[in-house]
PDB file of N, CA and C in Angstrom:
ATOM      1  N   UNK A   1     122.351 113.851  -6.816  1.00  0.00           N
ATOM      2  CA  UNK A   1     121.288 114.215  -5.934  1.00  0.00           C
ATOM      3  C   UNK A   1     120.607 112.852  -5.567  1.00  0.00           C
ATOM      4  N   UNK A   2     120.359 112.703  -4.272  1.00  0.00           N
ATOM      5  CA  UNK A   2     119.335 111.518  -3.985  1.00  0.00           C
ATOM      6  C   UNK A   2     118.152 111.786  -4.425  1.00  0.00           C
ATOM      7  N   UNK A   3     117.324 110.607  -4.352  1.00  0.00           N
ATOM      8  CA  UNK A   3     115.822 110.718  -4.922  1.00  0.00           C
ATOM      9  C   UNK A   3     115.101 110.627  -3.380  1.00  0.00           C
ATOM     10  N   UNK A   4     113.876 111.026  -3.179  1.00  0.00           N
ATOM     11  CA  UNK A   4     113.138 111.094  -1.992  1.00  0.00           C
ATOM     12  C   UNK A   4     113.139 110.004  -1.236  1.00  0.00           C
ATOM     13  N   UNK A   5     112.972 108.914  -2.057  1.00  0.00           N
ATOM     14  CA  UNK A   5     112.666 107.617  -1.416  1.00  0.00           C
ATOM     15  C   UNK A   5     114.265 107.092  -0.786  1.00  0.00           C
ATOM     16  N   UNK A   6     115.117 107.301  -1.072  1.00  0.00           N
ATOM     17  CA  UNK A   6     116.383 107.112  -0.464  1.00  0.00           C
ATOM     18  C   UNK A   6     116.604 108.143   0.831  1.00  0.00           C
ATOM     19  N   UNK A   7     116.193 109.267   0.679  1.00  0.00           N
ATOM     20  CA  UNK A   7     116.343 110.250   1.759  1.00  0.00           C
ATOM     21  C   UNK A   7     115.490 109.812   2.792  1.00  0.00           C
ATOM     22  N   UNK A   8     113.986 109.353   2.605  1.00  0.00           N
ATOM     23  CA  UNK A   8     113.387 109.031   3.441  1.00  0.00           C
ATOM     24  C   UNK A   8     113.652 107.831   4.278  1.00  0.00           C
ATOM     25  N   UNK A   9     114.218 107.120   3.477  1.00  0.00           N
ATOM     26  CA  UNK A   9     114.866 105.451   4.194  1.00  0.00           C
ATOM     27  C   UNK A   9     115.933 105.754   5.244  1.00  0.00           C
ATOM     28  N   UNK A  10     116.792 107.006   4.853  1.00  0.00           N
ATOM     29  CA  UNK A  10     117.626 107.478   6.052  1.00  0.00           C
ATOM     30  C   UNK A  10     116.901 108.275   7.129  1.00  0.00           C
ATOM     31  N   UNK A  11     116.188 109.233   6.936  1.00  0.00           N
ATOM     32  CA  UNK A  11     115.412 109.947   8.074  1.00  0.00           C
ATOM     33  C   UNK A  11     114.433 109.096   8.703  1.00  0.00           C
ATOM     34  N   UNK A  12     113.767 108.084   8.136  1.00  0.00           N
ATOM     35  CA  UNK A  12     112.698 107.380   8.927  1.00  0.00           C
ATOM     36  C   UNK A  12     113.064 106.984  10.227  1.00  0.00           C
ATOM     37  N   UNK A  13     114.538 106.588  10.109  1.00  0.00           N
ATOM     38  CA  UNK A  13     114.964 105.951  11.511  1.00  0.00           C
ATOM     39  C   UNK A  13     115.161 106.694  12.364  1.00  0.00           C
ATOM     40  N   UNK A  14     115.128 107.911  12.302  1.00  0.00           N
ATOM     41  CA  UNK A  14     115.564 109.247  13.175  1.00  0.00           C
ATOM     42  C   UNK A  14     114.483 109.390  14.278  1.00  0.00           C
ATOM     43  N   UNK A  15     114.947 109.935  15.405  1.00  0.00           N
ATOM     44  CA  UNK A  15     113.989 109.964  16.581  1.00  0.00           C
ATOM     45  C   UNK A  15     113.072 111.193  16.171  1.00  0.00           C
ATOM     46  N   UNK A  16     111.774 111.302  16.360  1.00  0.00           N
ATOM     47  CA  UNK A  16     110.710 112.219  16.036  1.00  0.00           C
ATOM     48  C   UNK A  16     111.361 113.831  16.465  1.00  0.00           C
ATOM     49  N   UNK A  17     111.921 114.100  17.010  1.00  0.00           N
ATOM     50  CA  UNK A  17     112.642 115.328  17.386  1.00  0.00           C
ATOM     51  C   UNK A  17     113.459 115.755  16.373  1.00  0.00           C
ATOM     52  N   UNK A  18     114.490 115.129  15.904  1.00  0.00           N
ATOM     53  CA  UNK A  18     115.423 115.215  14.709  1.00  0.00           C
ATOM     54  C   UNK A  18     114.478 115.323  13.340  1.00  0.00           C
ATOM     55  N   UNK A  19     113.649 114.575  13.355  1.00  0.00           N
ATOM     56  CA  UNK A  19     112.646 114.466  11.938  1.00  0.00           C
ATOM     57  C   UNK A  19     111.685 115.814  11.990  1.00  0.00           C
ATOM     58  N   UNK A  20     111.464 116.456  13.130  1.00  0.00           N
ATOM     59  CA  UNK A  20     110.818 117.436  13.320  1.00  0.00           C
ATOM     60  C   UNK A  20     111.406 118.735  13.133  1.00  0.00           C
ATOM     61  N   UNK A  21     112.634 118.693  13.570  1.00  0.00           N
ATOM     62  CA  UNK A  21     113.814 119.714  13.397  1.00  0.00           C
ATOM     63  C   UNK A  21     114.089 119.733  11.813  1.00  0.00           C
ATOM     64  N   UNK A  22     114.161 118.723  11.305  1.00  0.00           N
ATOM     65  CA  UNK A  22     114.479 118.606   9.778  1.00  0.00           C
ATOM     66  C   UNK A  22     113.184 119.686   9.148  1.00  0.00           C
ATOM     67  N   UNK A  23     112.148 118.979   9.295  1.00  0.00           N
ATOM     68  CA  UNK A  23     110.740 119.719   8.544  1.00  0.00           C
ATOM     69  C   UNK A  23     110.760 121.039   8.830  1.00  0.00           C
ATOM     70  N   UNK A  24     110.990 121.489  10.050  1.00  0.00           N
ATOM     71  CA  UNK A  24     111.082 122.879  10.367  1.00  0.00           C
ATOM     72  C   UNK A  24     112.131 123.627   9.682  1.00  0.00           C
ATOM     73  N   UNK A  25     113.340 123.125   9.300  1.00  0.00           N
ATOM     74  CA  UNK A  25     114.285 123.672   8.668  1.00  0.00           C
ATOM     75  C   UNK A  25     113.902 123.557   7.096  1.00  0.00           C
ATOM     76  N   UNK A  26     113.213 122.749   6.654  1.00  0.00           N
ATOM     77  CA  UNK A  26     113.004 122.507   5.142  1.00  0.00           C
ATOM     78  C   UNK A  26     111.663 123.820   4.974  1.00  0.00           C
ATOM     79  N   UNK A  27     110.639 123.671   5.809  1.00  0.00           N
ATOM     80  CA  UNK A  27     109.589 124.937   5.884  1.00  0.00           C
ATOM     81  C   UNK A  27     110.333 126.299   5.612  1.00  0.00           C
ATOM     82  N   UNK A  28     111.365 126.341   6.664  1.00  0.00           N
ATOM     83  CA  UNK A  28     111.719 127.640   6.861  1.00  0.00           C
ATOM     84  C   UNK A  28     112.594 127.837   5.278  1.00  0.00           C
ATOM     85  N   UNK A  29     113.095 127.114   4.990  1.00  0.00           N
ATOM     86  CA  UNK A  29     113.894 127.211   3.559  1.00  0.00           C
ATOM     87  C   UNK A  29     112.618 127.767   2.452  1.00  0.00           C
ATOM     88  N   UNK A  30     111.790 127.110   2.466  1.00  0.00           N
ATOM     89  CA  UNK A  30     110.616 127.519   1.680  1.00  0.00           C
ATOM     90  C   UNK A  30     110.082 128.899   1.803  1.00  0.00           C
ATOM     91  N   UNK A  31     109.941 129.332   3.045  1.00  0.00           N
ATOM     92  CA  UNK A  31     109.692 130.787   3.154  1.00  0.00           C
ATOM     93  C   UNK A  31     110.708 131.795   2.721  1.00  0.00           C
ATOM     94  N   UNK A  32     111.989 131.151   2.728  1.00  0.00           N
ATOM     95  CA  UNK A  32     113.283 132.145   2.296  1.00  0.00           C
ATOM     96  C   UNK A  32     112.974 132.348   0.992  1.00  0.00           C
ATOM     97  N   UNK A  33     112.824 131.006  -0.020  1.00  0.00           N
ATOM     98  CA  UNK A  33     112.645 131.233  -1.214  1.00  0.00           C
ATOM     99  C   UNK A  33     111.527 131.908  -1.840  1.00  0.00           C
ATOM    100  N   UNK A  34     110.331 132.301  -0.756  1.00  0.00           N
ATOM    101  CA  UNK A  34     109.197 132.916  -1.405  1.00  0.00           C
ATOM    102  C   UNK A  34     109.774 134.424  -1.435  1.00  0.00           C
ATOM    103  N   UNK A  35     110.854 134.589  -0.542  1.00  0.00           N
ATOM    104  CA  UNK A  35     111.156 135.898  -0.782  1.00  0.00           C
ATOM    105  C   UNK A  35     110.391 136.913   0.465  1.00  0.00           C
ATOM    106  N   UNK A  36     109.849 136.169   1.643  1.00  0.00           N
ATOM    107  CA  UNK A  36     109.233 136.711   2.388  1.00  0.00           C
ATOM    108  C   UNK A  36     110.462 137.378   3.383  1.00  0.00           C
ATOM    109  N   UNK A  37     110.210 138.883   3.327  1.00  0.00           N
ATOM    110  CA  UNK A  37     111.180 139.633   4.134  1.00  0.00           C
ATOM    111  C   UNK A  37     110.451 140.575   5.236  1.00  0.00           C
ATOM    112  N   UNK A  38     111.237 141.495   5.608  1.00  0.00           N
ATOM    113  CA  UNK A  38     110.563 142.316   6.499  1.00  0.00           C
ATOM    114  C   UNK A  38     109.425 143.146   5.849  1.00  0.00           C
ATOM    115  N   UNK A  39     108.460 143.545   6.866  1.00  0.00           N
ATOM    116  CA  UNK A  39     107.093 144.170   6.363  1.00  0.00           C
ATOM    117  C   UNK A  39     107.605 145.838   5.976  1.00  0.00           C
ATOM    118  N   UNK A  40     107.003 146.573   5.450  1.00  0.00           N
ATOM    119  CA  UNK A  40     107.210 147.772   5.272  1.00  0.00           C
ATOM    120  C   UNK A  40     106.684 148.397   6.347  1.00  0.00           C
ATOM    121  N   UNK A  41     107.421 149.667   6.627  1.00  0.00           N
ATOM    122  CA  UNK A  41     106.367 150.555   7.772  1.00  0.00           C
ATOM    123  C   UNK A  41     104.999 150.806   7.541  1.00  0.00           C
ATOM    124  N   UNK A  42     104.640 151.090   6.122  1.00  0.00           N
ATOM    125  CA  UNK A  42     103.301 151.521   5.758  1.00  0.00           C
ATOM    126  C   UNK A  42     102.578 150.273   6.005  1.00  0.00           C
ATOM    127  N   UNK A  43     102.940 149.260   5.560  1.00  0.00           N
ATOM    128  CA  UNK A  43     102.052 148.000   5.859  1.00  0.00           C
ATOM    129  C   UNK A  43     101.965 147.658   7.116  1.00  0.00           C
ATOM    130  N   UNK A  44     102.897 147.977   8.394  1.00  0.00           N
ATOM    131  CA  UNK A  44     103.023 147.491   9.495  1.00  0.00           C
ATOM    132  C   UNK A  44     101.804 148.553  10.226  1.00  0.00           C
ATOM    133  N   UNK A  45     101.815 149.769   9.731  1.00  0.00           N
ATOM    134  CA  UNK A  45     100.954 150.696  10.297  1.00  0.00           C
ATOM    135  C   UNK A  45      99.310 150.531   9.923  1.00  0.00           C
ATOM    136  N   UNK A  46      99.328 149.958   8.679  1.00  0.00           N
ATOM    137  CA  UNK A  46      98.075 149.286   8.281  1.00  0.00           C
ATOM    138  C   UNK A  46      97.613 148.142   8.927  1.00  0.00           C
ATOM    139  N   UNK A  47      98.436 147.237   9.379  1.00  0.00           N
ATOM    140  CA  UNK A  47      98.084 146.297   9.953  1.00  0.00           C
ATOM    141  C   UNK A  47      97.715 146.443  11.334  1.00  0.00           C
ATOM    142  N   UNK A  48      98.214 147.717  12.106  1.00  0.00           N
ATOM    143  CA  UNK A  48      98.165 147.791  13.319  1.00  0.00           C
ATOM    144  C   UNK A  48      96.711 148.493  13.564  1.00  0.00           C
ATOM    145  N   UNK A  49      96.502 149.351  12.267  1.00  0.00           N
ATOM    146  CA  UNK A  49      95.406 150.061  12.528  1.00  0.00           C
ATOM    147  C   UNK A  49      94.245 148.934  12.170  1.00  0.00           C
ATOM    148  N   UNK A  50      94.358 147.949  11.597  1.00  0.00           N
ATOM    149  CA  UNK A  50      93.080 146.748  11.438  1.00  0.00           C
ATOM    150  C   UNK A  50      93.208 146.243  12.767  1.00  0.00           C
ATOM    151  N   UNK A  51      94.139 145.826  13.378  1.00  0.00           N
ATOM    152  CA  UNK A  51      94.072 145.384  14.845  1.00  0.00           C
ATOM    153  C   UNK A  51      93.387 146.032  15.629  1.00  0.00           C
ATOM    154  N   UNK A  52      93.347 147.612  15.659  1.00  0.00           N
ATOM    155  CA  UNK A  52      92.980 148.334  16.444  1.00  0.00           C
ATOM    156  C   UNK A  52      91.174 148.362  16.215  1.00  0.00           C
ATOM    157  N   UNK A  53      91.069 148.298  15.062  1.00  0.00           N
ATOM    158  CA  UNK A  53      89.636 148.361  14.635  1.00  0.00           C
ATOM    159  C   UNK A  53      88.913 146.947  15.157  1.00  0.00           C
ATOM    160  N   UNK A  54      89.551 145.710  15.251  1.00  0.00           N
ATOM    161  CA  UNK A  54      89.204 144.426  15.606  1.00  0.00           C
ATOM    162  C   UNK A  54      88.959 144.530  17.062  1.00  0.00           C
ATOM    163  N   UNK A  55      89.699 145.276  17.737  1.00  0.00           N
ATOM    164  CA  UNK A  55      89.667 145.366  19.201  1.00  0.00           C
ATOM    165  C   UNK A  55      88.472 146.056  19.616  1.00  0.00           C
ATOM    166  N   UNK A  56      87.848 147.027  18.747  1.00  0.00           N
ATOM    167  CA  UNK A  56      86.936 147.807  19.172  1.00  0.00           C
ATOM    168  C   UNK A  56      85.681 146.951  19.586  1.00  0.00           C
ATOM    169  N   UNK A  57      84.903 147.483  20.617  1.00  0.00           N
ATOM    170  CA  UNK A  57      83.594 146.852  20.785  1.00  0.00           C
ATOM    171  C   UNK A  57      82.605 146.660  19.498  1.00  0.00           C
ATOM    172  N   UNK A  58      82.397 148.043  18.813  1.00  0.00           N
ATOM    173  CA  UNK A  58      81.624 148.060  17.794  1.00  0.00           C
ATOM    174  C   UNK A  58      82.427 148.542  16.601  1.00  0.00           C
ATOM    175  N   UNK A  59      82.606 148.004  15.597  1.00  0.00           N
ATOM    176  CA  UNK A  59      83.420 148.296  14.558  1.00  0.00           C
ATOM    177  C   UNK A  59      82.333 149.331  13.834  1.00  0.00           C
ATOM    178  N   UNK A  60      83.255 150.275  13.096  1.00  0.00           N
ATOM    179  CA  UNK A  60      82.535 151.431  12.336  1.00  0.00           C
ATOM    180  C   UNK A  60      81.486 151.010  11.051  1.00  0.00           C
ATOM    181  N   UNK A  61      80.395 151.716  11.201  1.00  0.00           N
ATOM    182  CA  UNK A  61      79.516 151.576  10.158  1.00  0.00           C
ATOM    183  C   UNK A  61      79.759 151.722   8.684  1.00  0.00           C
ATOM    184  N   UNK A  62      79.350 151.858   8.004  1.00  0.00           N
ATOM    185  CA  UNK A  62      79.458 152.113   6.474  1.00  0.00           C
ATOM    186  C   UNK A  62      79.929 153.581   6.155  1.00  0.00           C
ATOM    187  N   UNK A  63      78.829 154.431   6.555  1.00  0.00           N
ATOM    188  CA  UNK A  63      79.308 156.189   6.829  1.00  0.00           C
ATOM    189  C   UNK A  63      80.701 156.470   7.478  1.00  0.00           C
ATOM    190  N   UNK A  64      80.667 155.684   8.513  1.00  0.00           N
ATOM    191  CA  UNK A  64      82.049 156.045   9.299  1.00  0.00           C
ATOM    192  C   UNK A  64      83.298 155.484   8.272  1.00  0.00           C
ATOM    193  N   UNK A  65      83.064 154.215   8.189  1.00  0.00           N
ATOM    194  CA  UNK A  65      84.234 153.810   7.158  1.00  0.00           C
ATOM    195  C   UNK A  65      84.447 154.622   5.694  1.00  0.00           C
ATOM    196  N   UNK A  66      83.724 155.039   5.545  1.00  0.00           N
ATOM    197  CA  UNK A  66      83.698 155.975   4.257  1.00  0.00           C
ATOM    198  C   UNK A  66      84.421 157.219   4.500  1.00  0.00           C
ATOM    199  N   UNK A  67      84.229 157.775   5.901  1.00  0.00           N
ATOM    200  CA  UNK A  67      84.649 158.967   6.195  1.00  0.00           C
ATOM    201  C   UNK A  67      86.201 158.784   6.720  1.00  0.00           C
ATOM    202  N   UNK A  68      86.324 157.625   7.183  1.00  0.00           N
ATOM    203  CA  UNK A  68      87.791 157.002   7.391  1.00  0.00           C
ATOM    204  C   UNK A  68      88.637 157.141   6.284  1.00  0.00           C
ATOM    205  N   UNK A  69      87.958 156.383   5.074  1.00  0.00           N
ATOM    206  CA  UNK A  69      88.541 156.341   3.884  1.00  0.00           C
ATOM    207  C   UNK A  69      89.205 157.478   2.843  1.00  0.00           C
ATOM    208  N   UNK A  70      88.163 158.504   3.333  1.00  0.00           N
ATOM    209  CA  UNK A  70      88.257 159.686   2.616  1.00  0.00           C
ATOM    210  C   UNK A  70      89.328 160.760   3.496  1.00  0.00           C
ATOM    211  N   UNK A  71      89.327 160.615   4.790  1.00  0.00           N
ATOM    212  CA  UNK A  71      90.166 161.242   5.598  1.00  0.00           C
ATOM    213  C   UNK A  71      91.869 160.787   5.019  1.00  0.00           C
ATOM    214  N   UNK A  72      91.942 159.146   4.957  1.00  0.00           N
ATOM    215  CA  UNK A  72      92.960 158.525   4.555  1.00  0.00           C
ATOM    216  C   UNK A  72      93.464 159.132   3.342  1.00  0.00           C
ATOM    217  N   UNK A  73      92.598 158.875   2.473  1.00  0.00           N
ATOM    218  CA  UNK A  73      93.040 159.342   0.823  1.00  0.00           C
ATOM    219  C   UNK A  73      93.352 160.887   0.917  1.00  0.00           C
ATOM    220  N   UNK A  74      92.977 161.756   1.516  1.00  0.00           N
ATOM    221  CA  UNK A  74      93.282 163.044   1.785  1.00  0.00           C
ATOM    222  C   UNK A  74      94.619 163.297   2.355  1.00  0.00           C
ATOM    223  N   UNK A  75      95.083 162.681   3.479  1.00  0.00           N
ATOM    224  CA  UNK A  75      96.386 162.320   3.795  1.00  0.00           C
ATOM    225  C   UNK A  75      97.428 162.029   2.595  1.00  0.00           C
ATOM    226  N   UNK A  76      97.042 160.925   1.965  1.00  0.00           N
ATOM    227  CA  UNK A  76      97.955 160.333   0.884  1.00  0.00           C
ATOM    228  C   UNK A  76      97.913 161.091  -0.449  1.00  0.00           C
ATOM    229  N   UNK A  77      96.905 161.266  -0.871  1.00  0.00           N
ATOM    230  CA  UNK A  77      97.118 162.235  -2.119  1.00  0.00           C
ATOM    231  C   UNK A  77      96.681 163.855  -2.198  1.00  0.00           C
ATOM    232  N   UNK A  78      96.464 164.371  -0.941  1.00  0.00           N
ATOM    233  CA  UNK A  78      96.179 165.792  -0.761  1.00  0.00           C
ATOM    234  C   UNK A  78      95.058 166.349  -1.212  1.00  0.00           C
TER     235      UNK A  78
END
């Protein structure tokens, strides 16, 4: 296996587009190593709800937020 200095010596002469493509490829390989995969349906729904809240002109106050939480807990736990 080559060390980083040897590899850098080889790729430093590449055009910027090729080095950028290599960097993108390396970063994507790190994401794959982390196990980043598809988002669960439940998580997607939660994210959509958050996005919906952010889009409102006036976010819910503490009392409204508590009501929402109670309602959602009732759905989930009965």
